[in-house]
Amino acid sequence: MRITVESIDQRGERRLGCMQLPSFPVQFSSATFSGKARFVPAGSDWQRSIGQTFEVEINQENITNFEVLEASVLQETSVTAQTQPGDFRVCGVVIAIVSIAEPDGEQIITVKAGDALFNLTRTELRIAHLSEGSAVAFTVHDMSLWDEAI
């Protein structure tokens, strides 16, 4: 997904991921949605990120309120900022389900909402059956945007 960083809170630095990379609270916009999230820049010159456009991958700390929707209920996919910074309500479509080696039986489920892709695990969803093309909704908490140049 392509975002534009509108502002950065340099005082809110926090390390993320297994490599403990620096992340910063940002206000961002994209073709699909805008809001506040954590941005993980590829370079050390993050101060120059304001006004710049980046290709990012989306990650989240956790999700709640997952539900499978009737296809007729989902008129349009959407991502809507919630009151808590970093939280978003997602209404999208499952575009891929891929099995992974470990842990045994785990699957990665990719949900598309506009130009945003969300990768979730079956364990995280706590659901027995889901198929490609299913309309779903859920709330993402503590979203992070990782510069693809990492």
C-alpha atoms as a PDB file:
ATOM      1  CA  MET A   1       0.000   0.000   0.000  1.00  0.00           C
ATOM      2  CA  ARG A   2       1.245   3.489  -0.763  1.00  0.00           C
ATOM      3  CA  ILE A   3       1.063   6.069   2.048  1.00  0.00           C
ATOM      4  CA  THR A   4       2.072   9.677   2.528  1.00  0.00           C
ATOM      5  CA  VAL A   5       3.437  10.607   5.950  1.00  0.00           C
ATOM      6  CA  GLU A   6       1.758  13.839   7.050  1.00  0.00           C
ATOM      7  CA  SER A   7       3.332  14.227  10.511  1.00  0.00           C
ATOM      8  CA  ILE A   8       5.648  12.339  12.887  1.00  0.00           C
ATOM      9  CA  ASP A   9       5.761  12.351  16.690  1.00  0.00           C
ATOM     10  CA  GLN A  10       9.496  11.863  17.251  1.00  0.00           C
ATOM     11  CA  ARG A  11       8.984  11.677  21.031  1.00  0.00           C
ATOM     12  CA  GLY A  12       6.940   8.484  20.654  1.00  0.00           C
ATOM     13  CA  GLU A  13       9.729   6.234  19.364  1.00  0.00           C
ATOM     14  CA  ARG A  14       9.237   2.534  20.172  1.00  0.00           C
ATOM     15  CA  ARG A  15      11.168  -0.524  18.963  1.00  0.00           C
ATOM     16  CA  LEU A  16       9.195  -3.158  16.999  1.00  0.00           C
ATOM     17  CA  GLY A  17       9.742  -6.614  15.577  1.00  0.00           C
ATOM     18  CA  CYS A  18      12.394  -9.240  16.062  1.00  0.00           C
ATOM     19  CA  MET A  19      15.078  -6.784  14.914  1.00  0.00           C
ATOM     20  CA  GLN A  20      13.766  -4.113  17.311  1.00  0.00           C
ATOM     21  CA  LEU A  21      13.599  -1.422  14.617  1.00  0.00           C
ATOM     22  CA  PRO A  22      12.568   2.105  15.608  1.00  0.00           C
ATOM     23  CA  SER A  23       8.963   3.074  14.913  1.00  0.00           C
ATOM     24  CA  PHE A  24       7.217   6.415  15.280  1.00  0.00           C
ATOM     25  CA  PRO A  25       3.591   7.519  15.632  1.00  0.00           C
ATOM     26  CA  VAL A  26       2.524   9.153  12.366  1.00  0.00           C
ATOM     27  CA  GLN A  27      -0.489  10.728  10.771  1.00  0.00           C
ATOM     28  CA  PHE A  28      -0.736   9.245   7.267  1.00  0.00           C
ATOM     29  CA  SER A  29      -2.992   9.161   4.255  1.00  0.00           C
ATOM     30  CA  SER A  30      -3.468   6.669   1.429  1.00  0.00           C
ATOM     31  CA  ALA A  31      -5.875   6.214  -1.455  1.00  0.00           C
ATOM     32  CA  THR A  32      -8.063   3.986   0.747  1.00  0.00           C
ATOM     33  CA  PHE A  33      -7.942   5.559   4.208  1.00  0.00           C
ATOM     34  CA  SER A  34      -6.065   7.817   6.602  1.00  0.00           C
ATOM     35  CA  GLY A  35      -5.368   7.928  10.298  1.00  0.00           C
ATOM     36  CA  LYS A  36      -2.716   7.401  12.933  1.00  0.00           C
ATOM     37  CA  ALA A  37      -0.426   4.375  13.087  1.00  0.00           C
ATOM     38  CA  ARG A  38       3.186   3.462  13.837  1.00  0.00           C
ATOM     39  CA  PHE A  39       5.627   3.899  10.938  1.00  0.00           C
ATOM     40  CA  VAL A  40       8.791   1.810  10.666  1.00  0.00           C
ATOM     41  CA  PRO A  41      11.124   3.666   8.273  1.00  0.00           C
ATOM     42  CA  ALA A  42      13.767   1.832   6.261  1.00  0.00           C
ATOM     43  CA  GLY A  43      16.468   4.411   6.839  1.00  0.00           C
ATOM     44  CA  SER A  44      17.872   6.330   9.740  1.00  0.00           C
ATOM     45  CA  ASP A  45      16.904   9.701   8.233  1.00  0.00           C
ATOM     46  CA  TRP A  46      13.273   9.373   9.385  1.00  0.00           C
ATOM     47  CA  GLN A  47      12.978  13.147  10.016  1.00  0.00           C
ATOM     48  CA  ARG A  48      12.785  13.638   6.232  1.00  0.00           C
ATOM     49  CA  SER A  49       9.754  11.321   5.999  1.00  0.00           C
ATOM     50  CA  ILE A  50       7.185  14.114   6.409  1.00  0.00           C
ATOM     51  CA  GLY A  51       5.494  14.729   3.071  1.00  0.00           C
ATOM     52  CA  GLN A  52       7.163  11.692   1.514  1.00  0.00           C
ATOM     53  CA  THR A  53       5.385   8.715  -0.045  1.00  0.00           C
ATOM     54  CA  PHE A  54       6.272   5.120   0.868  1.00  0.00           C
ATOM     55  CA  GLU A  55       5.217   1.622  -0.132  1.00  0.00           C
ATOM     56  CA  VAL A  56       4.390  -0.148   3.144  1.00  0.00           C
ATOM     57  CA  GLU A  57       3.272  -3.488   4.494  1.00  0.00           C
ATOM     58  CA  ILE A  58       0.628  -3.460   7.199  1.00  0.00           C
ATOM     59  CA  ASN A  59       1.007  -5.273  10.489  1.00  0.00           C
ATOM     60  CA  GLN A  60      -1.014  -5.153  13.689  1.00  0.00           C
ATOM     61  CA  GLU A  61      -0.583  -6.077  17.323  1.00  0.00           C
ATOM     62  CA  ASN A  62      -3.887  -7.972  17.409  1.00  0.00           C
ATOM     63  CA  ILE A  63      -7.412  -8.072  16.057  1.00  0.00           C
ATOM     64  CA  THR A  64     -10.816  -8.291  17.700  1.00  0.00           C
ATOM     65  CA  ASN A  65     -14.466  -8.477  16.660  1.00  0.00           C
ATOM     66  CA  PHE A  66     -13.787 -10.797  13.710  1.00  0.00           C
ATOM     67  CA  GLU A  67     -16.913 -11.815  11.822  1.00  0.00           C
ATOM     68  CA  VAL A  68     -17.803 -13.411   8.517  1.00  0.00           C
ATOM     69  CA  LEU A  69     -20.367 -11.300   6.679  1.00  0.00           C
ATOM     70  CA  GLU A  70     -23.043 -12.265   4.216  1.00  0.00           C
ATOM     71  CA  ALA A  71     -21.688 -11.341   0.787  1.00  0.00           C
ATOM     72  CA  SER A  72     -24.760  -9.180   0.172  1.00  0.00           C
ATOM     73  CA  VAL A  73     -24.026  -7.131   3.332  1.00  0.00           C
ATOM     74  CA  LEU A  74     -20.615  -5.950   2.113  1.00  0.00           C
ATOM     75  CA  GLN A  75     -21.358  -3.210  -0.408  1.00  0.00           C
ATOM     76  CA  GLU A  76     -17.790  -1.848  -0.454  1.00  0.00           C
ATOM     77  CA  THR A  77     -14.557  -2.709   1.262  1.00  0.00           C
ATOM     78  CA  SER A  78     -13.373  -0.102   3.759  1.00  0.00           C
ATOM     79  CA  VAL A  79     -10.868   0.739   6.465  1.00  0.00           C
ATOM     80  CA  THR A  80     -12.123   3.249   9.024  1.00  0.00           C
ATOM     81  CA  ALA A  81     -10.034   4.901  11.750  1.00  0.00           C
ATOM     82  CA  GLN A  82     -11.380   4.327  15.258  1.00  0.00           C
ATOM     83  CA  THR A  83     -11.164   6.612  18.305  1.00  0.00           C
ATOM     84  CA  GLN A  84      -8.010   4.940  19.670  1.00  0.00           C
ATOM     85  CA  PRO A  85      -4.955   5.916  17.547  1.00  0.00           C
ATOM     86  CA  GLY A  86      -3.726   2.883  15.603  1.00  0.00           C
ATOM     87  CA  ASP A  87      -7.112   1.132  15.657  1.00  0.00           C
ATOM     88  CA  PHE A  88      -9.108   0.612  12.452  1.00  0.00           C
ATOM     89  CA  ARG A  89     -12.320  -1.188  11.512  1.00  0.00           C
ATOM     90  CA  VAL A  90     -11.765  -3.268   8.374  1.00  0.00           C
ATOM     91  CA  CYS A  91     -14.439  -4.608   6.025  1.00  0.00           C
ATOM     92  CA  GLY A  92     -12.830  -6.640   3.273  1.00  0.00           C
ATOM     93  CA  VAL A  93     -12.656  -9.800   1.218  1.00  0.00           C
ATOM     94  CA  VAL A  94     -10.453 -12.861   1.768  1.00  0.00           C
ATOM     95  CA  ILE A  95      -8.219 -13.069  -1.324  1.00  0.00           C
ATOM     96  CA  ALA A  96      -5.813 -15.836  -0.259  1.00  0.00           C
ATOM     97  CA  ILE A  97      -5.447 -18.622   2.276  1.00  0.00           C
ATOM     98  CA  VAL A  98      -1.960 -20.153   2.447  1.00  0.00           C
ATOM     99  CA  SER A  99      -0.839 -23.021   4.675  1.00  0.00           C
ATOM    100  CA  ILE A 100       2.510 -22.612   6.431  1.00  0.00           C
ATOM    101  CA  ALA A 101       4.827 -25.295   7.815  1.00  0.00           C
ATOM    102  CA  GLU A 102       4.842 -24.293  11.468  1.00  0.00           C
ATOM    103  CA  PRO A 103       2.978 -24.556  13.639  1.00  0.00           C
ATOM    104  CA  ASP A 104       1.281 -27.562  12.108  1.00  0.00           C
ATOM    105  CA  GLY A 105      -2.055 -26.661  10.498  1.00  0.00           C
ATOM    106  CA  GLU A 106      -1.510 -22.884  10.633  1.00  0.00           C
ATOM    107  CA  GLN A 107      -2.651 -20.724   7.741  1.00  0.00           C
ATOM    108  CA  ILE A 108      -2.094 -17.124   6.685  1.00  0.00           C
ATOM    109  CA  ILE A 109      -5.294 -15.414   5.552  1.00  0.00           C
ATOM    110  CA  THR A 110      -4.949 -12.300   3.387  1.00  0.00           C
ATOM    111  CA  VAL A 111      -7.812  -9.813   3.461  1.00  0.00           C
ATOM    112  CA  LYS A 112      -8.038  -7.004   0.888  1.00  0.00           C
ATOM    113  CA  ALA A 113      -9.808  -3.712   1.606  1.00  0.00           C
ATOM    114  CA  GLY A 114      -9.181  -1.158  -1.134  1.00  0.00           C
ATOM    115  CA  ASP A 115      -5.419  -1.173  -1.719  1.00  0.00           C
ATOM    116  CA  ALA A 116      -4.716  -2.366   1.844  1.00  0.00           C
ATOM    117  CA  LEU A 117      -3.726  -5.984   2.536  1.00  0.00           C
ATOM    118  CA  PHE A 118      -4.042  -7.490   6.008  1.00  0.00           C
ATOM    119  CA  ASN A 119      -2.320 -10.795   6.809  1.00  0.00           C
ATOM    120  CA  LEU A 120      -3.929 -12.713   9.656  1.00  0.00           C
ATOM    121  CA  THR A 121      -3.380 -16.194  11.076  1.00  0.00           C
ATOM    122  CA  ARG A 122      -6.138 -18.749  11.473  1.00  0.00           C
ATOM    123  CA  THR A 123      -5.122 -19.040  15.157  1.00  0.00           C
ATOM    124  CA  GLU A 124      -5.577 -15.293  15.573  1.00  0.00           C
ATOM    125  CA  LEU A 125      -9.055 -15.473  14.045  1.00  0.00           C
ATOM    126  CA  ARG A 126     -10.169 -18.486  16.092  1.00  0.00           C
ATOM    127  CA  ILE A 127     -12.320 -19.727  13.245  1.00  0.00           C
ATOM    128  CA  ALA A 128     -12.581 -23.257  11.878  1.00  0.00           C
ATOM    129  CA  HIS A 129     -13.591 -22.601   8.269  1.00  0.00           C
ATOM    130  CA  LEU A 130     -13.049 -19.682   5.948  1.00  0.00           C
ATOM    131  CA  SER A 131     -12.756 -19.606   2.163  1.00  0.00           C
ATOM    132  CA  GLU A 132     -11.392 -17.270  -0.483  1.00  0.00           C
ATOM    133  CA  GLY A 133     -14.010 -14.736  -1.501  1.00  0.00           C
ATOM    134  CA  SER A 134     -15.545 -14.553   1.989  1.00  0.00           C
ATOM    135  CA  ALA A 135     -16.584 -11.083   3.147  1.00  0.00           C
ATOM    136  CA  VAL A 136     -15.198 -10.349   6.623  1.00  0.00           C
ATOM    137  CA  ALA A 137     -14.990  -7.548   9.172  1.00  0.00           C
ATOM    138  CA  PHE A 138     -12.652  -7.044  12.132  1.00  0.00           C
ATOM    139  CA  THR A 139     -10.932  -4.386  14.217  1.00  0.00           C
ATOM    140  CA  VAL A 140      -7.163  -3.953  13.925  1.00  0.00           C
ATOM    141  CA  HIS A 141      -5.346  -2.730  17.043  1.00  0.00           C
ATOM    142  CA  ASP A 142      -1.993  -0.903  17.112  1.00  0.00           C
ATOM    143  CA  MET A 143      -1.430  -0.894  13.336  1.00  0.00           C
ATOM    144  CA  SER A 144       2.122  -0.518  12.094  1.00  0.00           C
ATOM    145  CA  LEU A 145       3.236   0.463   8.593  1.00  0.00           C
ATOM    146  CA  TRP A 146       6.588  -1.044   7.564  1.00  0.00           C
ATOM    147  CA  ASP A 147       8.524   0.671   4.788  1.00  0.00           C
ATOM    148  CA  GLU A 148       8.981  -2.039   2.131  1.00  0.00           C
ATOM    149  CA  ALA A 149      12.562  -0.868   1.569  1.00  0.00           C
ATOM    150  CA  ILE A 150      13.555  -2.570   4.863  1.00  0.00           C
END
